[in-house]
């Protein structure tokens, strides 16, 4: 072989070796770059804060509605729905009473006397609400006569209403009614509350301090009769 061919082949071999080294170096750099690119970020994305939802005034009142009542008959009030304590606190007193299964006759009487709207529109009231059994204790003929006499019926019903909201710790004493007369009330939530009712004796509060949107209700076992 000629010397020129040997030198040329040696040069080609050296070039090939140099190219291989260069390509290998580039490959190592690329691998290192890819490895760096796949390294997870040390900073986690910020989590979005969920705004807290504050209960509305009516929701807060509903949560404490049952807790503030007293009396054995409170257990007869529905535990859910419009006629429950949580339901009644959402409505004005005329509407709330219409949803309570204990007060059907009272609502009929208030409707006959055109008083439901008056009760609903009042700003603050305390209402003594006779149960259906209390009305049933009145002889049927007498009850029919009262329901047919709008003026007398209005006097009787407004005799059950005080023009301000009174809790069990402030209800005792002589209280003025919307019939322009008074009620004599004794007791409190611990001892029980009674209302003087003339010859019939004392009416007993069966379930008291029931909140509605505009009134405090005391369910009683007698229909209160105003003095003649």
C-alpha atoms as a PDB file:
ATOM      1  CA  UNK A   1       0.000   0.000   0.000  1.00  0.00           C
ATOM      2  CA  UNK A   2       1.205   3.420  -0.772  1.00  0.00           C
ATOM      3  CA  UNK A   3       2.119   5.798   1.978  1.00  0.00           C
ATOM      4  CA  UNK A   4      -0.455   8.388   0.776  1.00  0.00           C
ATOM      5  CA  UNK A   5      -3.284   5.875   1.106  1.00  0.00           C
ATOM      6  CA  UNK A   6      -2.218   4.942   4.627  1.00  0.00           C
ATOM      7  CA  UNK A   7      -2.194   8.600   5.683  1.00  0.00           C
ATOM      8  CA  UNK A   8      -5.585   9.223   4.081  1.00  0.00           C
ATOM      9  CA  UNK A   9      -7.176   6.239   5.820  1.00  0.00           C
ATOM     10  CA  UNK A  10      -5.699   7.301   9.154  1.00  0.00           C
ATOM     11  CA  UNK A  11      -7.150  10.780   8.679  1.00  0.00           C
ATOM     12  CA  UNK A  12     -10.603   9.383   7.947  1.00  0.00           C
ATOM     13  CA  UNK A  13     -10.459   7.175  11.035  1.00  0.00           C
ATOM     14  CA  UNK A  14      -9.481  10.108  13.231  1.00  0.00           C
ATOM     15  CA  UNK A  15     -12.352  12.171  11.840  1.00  0.00           C
ATOM     16  CA  UNK A  16     -14.820   9.355  12.508  1.00  0.00           C
ATOM     17  CA  UNK A  17     -13.590   9.025  16.090  1.00  0.00           C
ATOM     18  CA  UNK A  18     -13.925  12.773  16.643  1.00  0.00           C
ATOM     19  CA  UNK A  19     -17.457  12.788  15.213  1.00  0.00           C
ATOM     20  CA  UNK A  20     -18.486   9.891  17.473  1.00  0.00           C
ATOM     21  CA  UNK A  21     -17.171  11.707  20.564  1.00  0.00           C
ATOM     22  CA  UNK A  22     -19.025  14.886  19.569  1.00  0.00           C
ATOM     23  CA  UNK A  23     -22.321  13.056  19.011  1.00  0.00           C
ATOM     24  CA  UNK A  24     -21.968  11.225  22.339  1.00  0.00           C
ATOM     25  CA  UNK A  25     -21.358  14.516  24.142  1.00  0.00           C
ATOM     26  CA  UNK A  26     -24.422  16.088  22.540  1.00  0.00           C
ATOM     27  CA  UNK A  27     -26.506  13.073  23.536  1.00  0.00           C
ATOM     28  CA  UNK A  28     -25.381  13.375  27.150  1.00  0.00           C
ATOM     29  CA  UNK A  29     -26.279  17.088  27.198  1.00  0.00           C
ATOM     30  CA  UNK A  30     -29.727  16.378  25.791  1.00  0.00           C
ATOM     31  CA  UNK A  31     -30.355  13.628  28.356  1.00  0.00           C
ATOM     32  CA  UNK A  32     -29.271  15.930  31.190  1.00  0.00           C
ATOM     33  CA  UNK A  33     -31.528  18.720  29.875  1.00  0.00           C
ATOM     34  CA  UNK A  34     -34.514  16.354  29.663  1.00  0.00           C
ATOM     35  CA  UNK A  35     -33.841  15.146  33.185  1.00  0.00           C
ATOM     36  CA  UNK A  36     -33.762  18.729  34.432  1.00  0.00           C
ATOM     37  CA  UNK A  37     -36.970  19.540  32.550  1.00  0.00           C
ATOM     38  CA  UNK A  38     -38.834  16.663  34.229  1.00  0.00           C
ATOM     39  CA  UNK A  39     -37.859  17.707  37.731  1.00  0.00           C
ATOM     40  CA  UNK A  40     -41.113  18.647  39.533  1.00  0.00           C
ATOM     41  CA  UNK A  41     -41.505  22.236  40.683  1.00  0.00           C
ATOM     42  CA  UNK A  42     -40.993  22.755  44.384  1.00  0.00           C
ATOM     43  CA  UNK A  43     -43.819  25.313  44.428  1.00  0.00           C
ATOM     44  CA  UNK A  44     -47.309  23.716  44.497  1.00  0.00           C
ATOM     45  CA  UNK A  45     -50.129  25.672  42.843  1.00  0.00           C
ATOM     46  CA  UNK A  46     -52.100  27.792  45.281  1.00  0.00           C
ATOM     47  CA  UNK A  47     -55.445  26.298  46.296  1.00  0.00           C
ATOM     48  CA  UNK A  48     -58.517  28.455  45.789  1.00  0.00           C
ATOM     49  CA  UNK A  49     -60.230  29.383  49.037  1.00  0.00           C
ATOM     50  CA  UNK A  50     -63.899  28.551  49.269  1.00  0.00           C
ATOM     51  CA  UNK A  51     -65.788  31.542  50.647  1.00  0.00           C
ATOM     52  CA  UNK A  52     -67.579  30.772  53.922  1.00  0.00           C
ATOM     53  CA  UNK A  53     -71.338  31.020  53.810  1.00  0.00           C
ATOM     54  CA  UNK A  54     -72.808  32.857  56.776  1.00  0.00           C
ATOM     55  CA  UNK A  55     -76.331  31.762  57.813  1.00  0.00           C
ATOM     56  CA  UNK A  56     -79.067  34.264  57.102  1.00  0.00           C
ATOM     57  CA  UNK A  57     -80.983  35.896  59.932  1.00  0.00           C
ATOM     58  CA  UNK A  58     -84.001  33.676  59.293  1.00  0.00           C
ATOM     59  CA  UNK A  59     -81.831  30.524  59.205  1.00  0.00           C
ATOM     60  CA  UNK A  60     -80.233  31.464  62.523  1.00  0.00           C
ATOM     61  CA  UNK A  61     -83.640  32.073  64.071  1.00  0.00           C
ATOM     62  CA  UNK A  62     -84.888  28.740  62.799  1.00  0.00           C
ATOM     63  CA  UNK A  63     -81.993  26.872  64.373  1.00  0.00           C
ATOM     64  CA  UNK A  64     -82.972  28.156  67.844  1.00  0.00           C
ATOM     65  CA  UNK A  65     -86.758  28.044  67.424  1.00  0.00           C
ATOM     66  CA  UNK A  66     -87.434  24.749  69.166  1.00  0.00           C
ATOM     67  CA  UNK A  67     -84.743  25.257  71.803  1.00  0.00           C
ATOM     68  CA  UNK A  68     -86.448  28.326  73.257  1.00  0.00           C
ATOM     69  CA  UNK A  69     -89.929  26.810  73.652  1.00  0.00           C
ATOM     70  CA  UNK A  70     -91.276  25.220  76.829  1.00  0.00           C
ATOM     71  CA  UNK A  71     -94.218  23.028  77.824  1.00  0.00           C
ATOM     72  CA  UNK A  72     -95.254  19.382  77.516  1.00  0.00           C
ATOM     73  CA  UNK A  73     -97.437  19.984  74.451  1.00  0.00           C
ATOM     74  CA  UNK A  74     -94.482  21.210  72.411  1.00  0.00           C
ATOM     75  CA  UNK A  75     -93.851  17.562  71.552  1.00  0.00           C
ATOM     76  CA  UNK A  76     -97.141  17.568  69.569  1.00  0.00           C
ATOM     77  CA  UNK A  77     -95.815  20.188  67.150  1.00  0.00           C
ATOM     78  CA  UNK A  78     -94.540  18.688  63.854  1.00  0.00           C
ATOM     79  CA  UNK A  79     -90.779  18.278  63.624  1.00  0.00           C
ATOM     80  CA  UNK A  80     -90.603  19.441  60.005  1.00  0.00           C
ATOM     81  CA  UNK A  81     -92.569  21.393  57.432  1.00  0.00           C
ATOM     82  CA  UNK A  82     -94.404  24.744  57.604  1.00  0.00           C
ATOM     83  CA  UNK A  83     -96.195  23.826  60.859  1.00  0.00           C
ATOM     84  CA  UNK A  84     -92.996  22.963  62.719  1.00  0.00           C
ATOM     85  CA  UNK A  85     -91.152  25.395  64.959  1.00  0.00           C
ATOM     86  CA  UNK A  86     -88.541  25.984  62.247  1.00  0.00           C
ATOM     87  CA  UNK A  87     -91.332  26.502  59.721  1.00  0.00           C
ATOM     88  CA  UNK A  88     -93.410  28.912  61.829  1.00  0.00           C
ATOM     89  CA  UNK A  89     -90.472  31.178  62.573  1.00  0.00           C
ATOM     90  CA  UNK A  90     -90.319  31.994  58.846  1.00  0.00           C
ATOM     91  CA  UNK A  91     -93.953  33.250  58.619  1.00  0.00           C
ATOM     92  CA  UNK A  92     -96.011  36.034  60.234  1.00  0.00           C
ATOM     93  CA  UNK A  93     -98.251  34.819  63.025  1.00  0.00           C
ATOM     94  CA  UNK A  94    -101.534  34.456  61.091  1.00  0.00           C
ATOM     95  CA  UNK A  95     -99.881  32.326  58.429  1.00  0.00           C
ATOM     96  CA  UNK A  96     -97.792  30.398  60.969  1.00  0.00           C
ATOM     97  CA  UNK A  97    -100.914  29.487  62.983  1.00  0.00           C
ATOM     98  CA  UNK A  98    -102.682  28.276  59.835  1.00  0.00           C
ATOM     99  CA  UNK A  99     -99.895  25.738  59.300  1.00  0.00           C
ATOM    100  CA  UNK A 100    -100.014  24.392  62.866  1.00  0.00           C
ATOM    101  CA  UNK A 101    -102.299  21.356  63.316  1.00  0.00           C
ATOM    102  CA  UNK A 102    -103.197  22.376  66.895  1.00  0.00           C
ATOM    103  CA  UNK A 103    -104.734  25.710  65.901  1.00  0.00           C
ATOM    104  CA  UNK A 104    -107.222  25.022  63.096  1.00  0.00           C
ATOM    105  CA  UNK A 105    -110.307  26.422  64.847  1.00  0.00           C
ATOM    106  CA  UNK A 106    -108.461  29.552  65.951  1.00  0.00           C
ATOM    107  CA  UNK A 107    -107.467  30.238  62.354  1.00  0.00           C
ATOM    108  CA  UNK A 108    -111.066  29.699  61.209  1.00  0.00           C
ATOM    109  CA  UNK A 109    -112.231  32.181  63.833  1.00  0.00           C
ATOM    110  CA  UNK A 110    -109.585  34.751  62.871  1.00  0.00           C
ATOM    111  CA  UNK A 111    -110.582  34.353  59.219  1.00  0.00           C
ATOM    112  CA  UNK A 112    -114.267  34.867  60.066  1.00  0.00           C
ATOM    113  CA  UNK A 113    -113.345  38.047  61.958  1.00  0.00           C
ATOM    114  CA  UNK A 114    -111.087  39.305  59.113  1.00  0.00           C
ATOM    115  CA  UNK A 115    -108.143  39.440  61.500  1.00  0.00           C
ATOM    116  CA  UNK A 116    -105.562  37.281  59.714  1.00  0.00           C
ATOM    117  CA  UNK A 117    -104.214  40.176  57.653  1.00  0.00           C
ATOM    118  CA  UNK A 118    -104.163  42.469  60.700  1.00  0.00           C
ATOM    119  CA  UNK A 119    -102.147  39.921  62.669  1.00  0.00           C
ATOM    120  CA  UNK A 120     -99.740  39.312  59.799  1.00  0.00           C
ATOM    121  CA  UNK A 121     -99.121  43.024  59.232  1.00  0.00           C
ATOM    122  CA  UNK A 122     -98.419  43.903  62.877  1.00  0.00           C
ATOM    123  CA  UNK A 123     -94.813  44.632  63.801  1.00  0.00           C
ATOM    124  CA  UNK A 124     -94.717  42.814  67.158  1.00  0.00           C
ATOM    125  CA  UNK A 125     -97.319  40.816  69.072  1.00  0.00           C
ATOM    126  CA  UNK A 126     -97.765  38.254  71.808  1.00  0.00           C
ATOM    127  CA  UNK A 127    -100.605  35.847  71.008  1.00  0.00           C
ATOM    128  CA  UNK A 128    -102.327  33.410  73.354  1.00  0.00           C
ATOM    129  CA  UNK A 129    -103.575  30.719  70.993  1.00  0.00           C
ATOM    130  CA  UNK A 130    -106.320  28.319  72.181  1.00  0.00           C
ATOM    131  CA  UNK A 131    -106.051  24.784  70.819  1.00  0.00           C
ATOM    132  CA  UNK A 132    -108.796  23.049  68.872  1.00  0.00           C
ATOM    133  CA  UNK A 133    -109.674  21.158  72.075  1.00  0.00           C
ATOM    134  CA  UNK A 134    -110.090  24.476  73.898  1.00  0.00           C
ATOM    135  CA  UNK A 135    -112.679  25.609  71.340  1.00  0.00           C
ATOM    136  CA  UNK A 136    -114.315  22.157  71.418  1.00  0.00           C
ATOM    137  CA  UNK A 137    -114.937  22.608  75.158  1.00  0.00           C
ATOM    138  CA  UNK A 138    -117.383  25.431  74.350  1.00  0.00           C
ATOM    139  CA  UNK A 139    -120.931  24.124  73.832  1.00  0.00           C
ATOM    140  CA  UNK A 140    -121.467  23.829  70.037  1.00  0.00           C
ATOM    141  CA  UNK A 141    -124.454  26.208  69.959  1.00  0.00           C
ATOM    142  CA  UNK A 142    -122.538  28.846  71.897  1.00  0.00           C
ATOM    143  CA  UNK A 143    -119.504  28.472  69.610  1.00  0.00           C
ATOM    144  CA  UNK A 144    -121.669  28.762  66.497  1.00  0.00           C
ATOM    145  CA  UNK A 145    -123.276  31.913  67.888  1.00  0.00           C
ATOM    146  CA  UNK A 146    -119.872  33.465  68.609  1.00  0.00           C
ATOM    147  CA  UNK A 147    -118.512  32.621  65.158  1.00  0.00           C
ATOM    148  CA  UNK A 148    -121.592  34.192  63.583  1.00  0.00           C
ATOM    149  CA  UNK A 149    -121.229  37.444  65.570  1.00  0.00           C
ATOM    150  CA  UNK A 150    -118.265  39.239  64.016  1.00  0.00           C
ATOM    151  CA  UNK A 151    -118.139  42.025  66.597  1.00  0.00           C
ATOM    152  CA  UNK A 152    -118.195  39.651  69.571  1.00  0.00           C
ATOM    153  CA  UNK A 153    -115.734  37.315  67.856  1.00  0.00           C
ATOM    154  CA  UNK A 154    -113.334  40.210  67.257  1.00  0.00           C
ATOM    155  CA  UNK A 155    -113.533  41.215  70.912  1.00  0.00           C
ATOM    156  CA  UNK A 156    -112.779  37.674  72.064  1.00  0.00           C
ATOM    157  CA  UNK A 157    -109.868  37.155  69.676  1.00  0.00           C
ATOM    158  CA  UNK A 158    -108.207  40.532  70.318  1.00  0.00           C
ATOM    159  CA  UNK A 159    -108.521  39.749  74.053  1.00  0.00           C
ATOM    160  CA  UNK A 160    -105.893  37.077  73.345  1.00  0.00           C
ATOM    161  CA  UNK A 161    -103.370  39.496  71.808  1.00  0.00           C
ATOM    162  CA  UNK A 162    -100.821  41.827  73.427  1.00  0.00           C
ATOM    163  CA  UNK A 163     -99.309  44.598  71.310  1.00  0.00           C
ATOM    164  CA  UNK A 164     -95.659  43.710  71.971  1.00  0.00           C
ATOM    165  CA  UNK A 165     -93.495  40.597  72.013  1.00  0.00           C
ATOM    166  CA  UNK A 166     -93.004  39.210  75.496  1.00  0.00           C
ATOM    167  CA  UNK A 167     -90.740  36.332  76.458  1.00  0.00           C
ATOM    168  CA  UNK A 168     -91.459  33.995  79.387  1.00  0.00           C
ATOM    169  CA  UNK A 169     -89.274  36.076  81.709  1.00  0.00           C
ATOM    170  CA  UNK A 170     -91.328  39.212  81.055  1.00  0.00           C
ATOM    171  CA  UNK A 171     -94.849  37.900  80.473  1.00  0.00           C
ATOM    172  CA  UNK A 172     -95.989  37.852  84.113  1.00  0.00           C
ATOM    173  CA  UNK A 173     -98.123  40.718  85.405  1.00  0.00           C
ATOM    174  CA  UNK A 174    -100.995  42.786  84.083  1.00  0.00           C
ATOM    175  CA  UNK A 175    -100.777  43.097  80.307  1.00  0.00           C
ATOM    176  CA  UNK A 176    -102.824  45.320  77.999  1.00  0.00           C
ATOM    177  CA  UNK A 177    -104.588  43.596  75.106  1.00  0.00           C
ATOM    178  CA  UNK A 178    -105.711  44.804  71.692  1.00  0.00           C
ATOM    179  CA  UNK A 179    -109.287  44.628  73.032  1.00  0.00           C
ATOM    180  CA  UNK A 180    -108.434  47.552  75.335  1.00  0.00           C
ATOM    181  CA  UNK A 181    -108.654  45.403  78.443  1.00  0.00           C
ATOM    182  CA  UNK A 182    -106.088  43.422  80.423  1.00  0.00           C
ATOM    183  CA  UNK A 183    -104.836  39.904  81.091  1.00  0.00           C
ATOM    184  CA  UNK A 184    -103.511  38.751  84.452  1.00  0.00           C
ATOM    185  CA  UNK A 185    -100.593  36.403  83.856  1.00  0.00           C
ATOM    186  CA  UNK A 186     -98.434  34.512  86.341  1.00  0.00           C
ATOM    187  CA  UNK A 187     -95.441  32.182  86.209  1.00  0.00           C
ATOM    188  CA  UNK A 188     -92.475  31.614  83.939  1.00  0.00           C
ATOM    189  CA  UNK A 189     -90.901  28.925  81.773  1.00  0.00           C
ATOM    190  CA  UNK A 190     -89.696  26.877  84.748  1.00  0.00           C
ATOM    191  CA  UNK A 191     -92.865  27.049  86.857  1.00  0.00           C
ATOM    192  CA  UNK A 192     -95.318  27.163  83.963  1.00  0.00           C
ATOM    193  CA  UNK A 193     -97.412  30.109  82.819  1.00  0.00           C
ATOM    194  CA  UNK A 194    -101.120  30.622  83.530  1.00  0.00           C
ATOM    195  CA  UNK A 195    -103.635  33.255  82.486  1.00  0.00           C
ATOM    196  CA  UNK A 196    -106.602  34.249  84.653  1.00  0.00           C
ATOM    197  CA  UNK A 197    -109.863  33.477  82.856  1.00  0.00           C
ATOM    198  CA  UNK A 198    -112.691  34.669  85.103  1.00  0.00           C
ATOM    199  CA  UNK A 199    -115.136  32.005  86.247  1.00  0.00           C
ATOM    200  CA  UNK A 200    -113.327  29.370  84.190  1.00  0.00           C
ATOM    201  CA  UNK A 201    -110.252  29.634  86.378  1.00  0.00           C
ATOM    202  CA  UNK A 202    -106.741  29.776  84.970  1.00  0.00           C
ATOM    203  CA  UNK A 203    -105.823  28.889  81.414  1.00  0.00           C
ATOM    204  CA  UNK A 204    -102.557  26.941  81.242  1.00  0.00           C
ATOM    205  CA  UNK A 205     -99.844  27.505  78.675  1.00  0.00           C
ATOM    206  CA  UNK A 206     -99.297  24.121  77.018  1.00  0.00           C
ATOM    207  CA  UNK A 207     -96.449  25.201  74.765  1.00  0.00           C
ATOM    208  CA  UNK A 208     -94.946  28.644  75.128  1.00  0.00           C
ATOM    209  CA  UNK A 209     -92.479  31.089  73.639  1.00  0.00           C
ATOM    210  CA  UNK A 210     -93.031  29.878  70.064  1.00  0.00           C
ATOM    211  CA  UNK A 211     -91.385  32.356  67.679  1.00  0.00           C
ATOM    212  CA  UNK A 212     -92.946  33.502  64.419  1.00  0.00           C
ATOM    213  CA  UNK A 213     -91.715  36.217  62.072  1.00  0.00           C
ATOM    214  CA  UNK A 214     -93.577  38.961  63.954  1.00  0.00           C
ATOM    215  CA  UNK A 215     -94.972  37.451  67.152  1.00  0.00           C
ATOM    216  CA  UNK A 216     -94.404  35.197  70.139  1.00  0.00           C
ATOM    217  CA  UNK A 217     -97.096  32.552  70.590  1.00  0.00           C
ATOM    218  CA  UNK A 218     -98.303  30.798  73.748  1.00  0.00           C
ATOM    219  CA  UNK A 219    -100.624  27.863  73.085  1.00  0.00           C
ATOM    220  CA  UNK A 220    -103.258  27.594  75.843  1.00  0.00           C
ATOM    221  CA  UNK A 221    -105.907  25.094  76.925  1.00  0.00           C
ATOM    222  CA  UNK A 222    -108.867  27.514  77.214  1.00  0.00           C
ATOM    223  CA  UNK A 223    -110.528  30.238  75.167  1.00  0.00           C
ATOM    224  CA  UNK A 224    -110.057  33.461  77.128  1.00  0.00           C
ATOM    225  CA  UNK A 225    -113.324  35.345  77.626  1.00  0.00           C
ATOM    226  CA  UNK A 226    -113.234  39.126  78.178  1.00  0.00           C
ATOM    227  CA  UNK A 227    -115.161  40.552  81.103  1.00  0.00           C
ATOM    228  CA  UNK A 228    -118.736  41.454  80.194  1.00  0.00           C
END
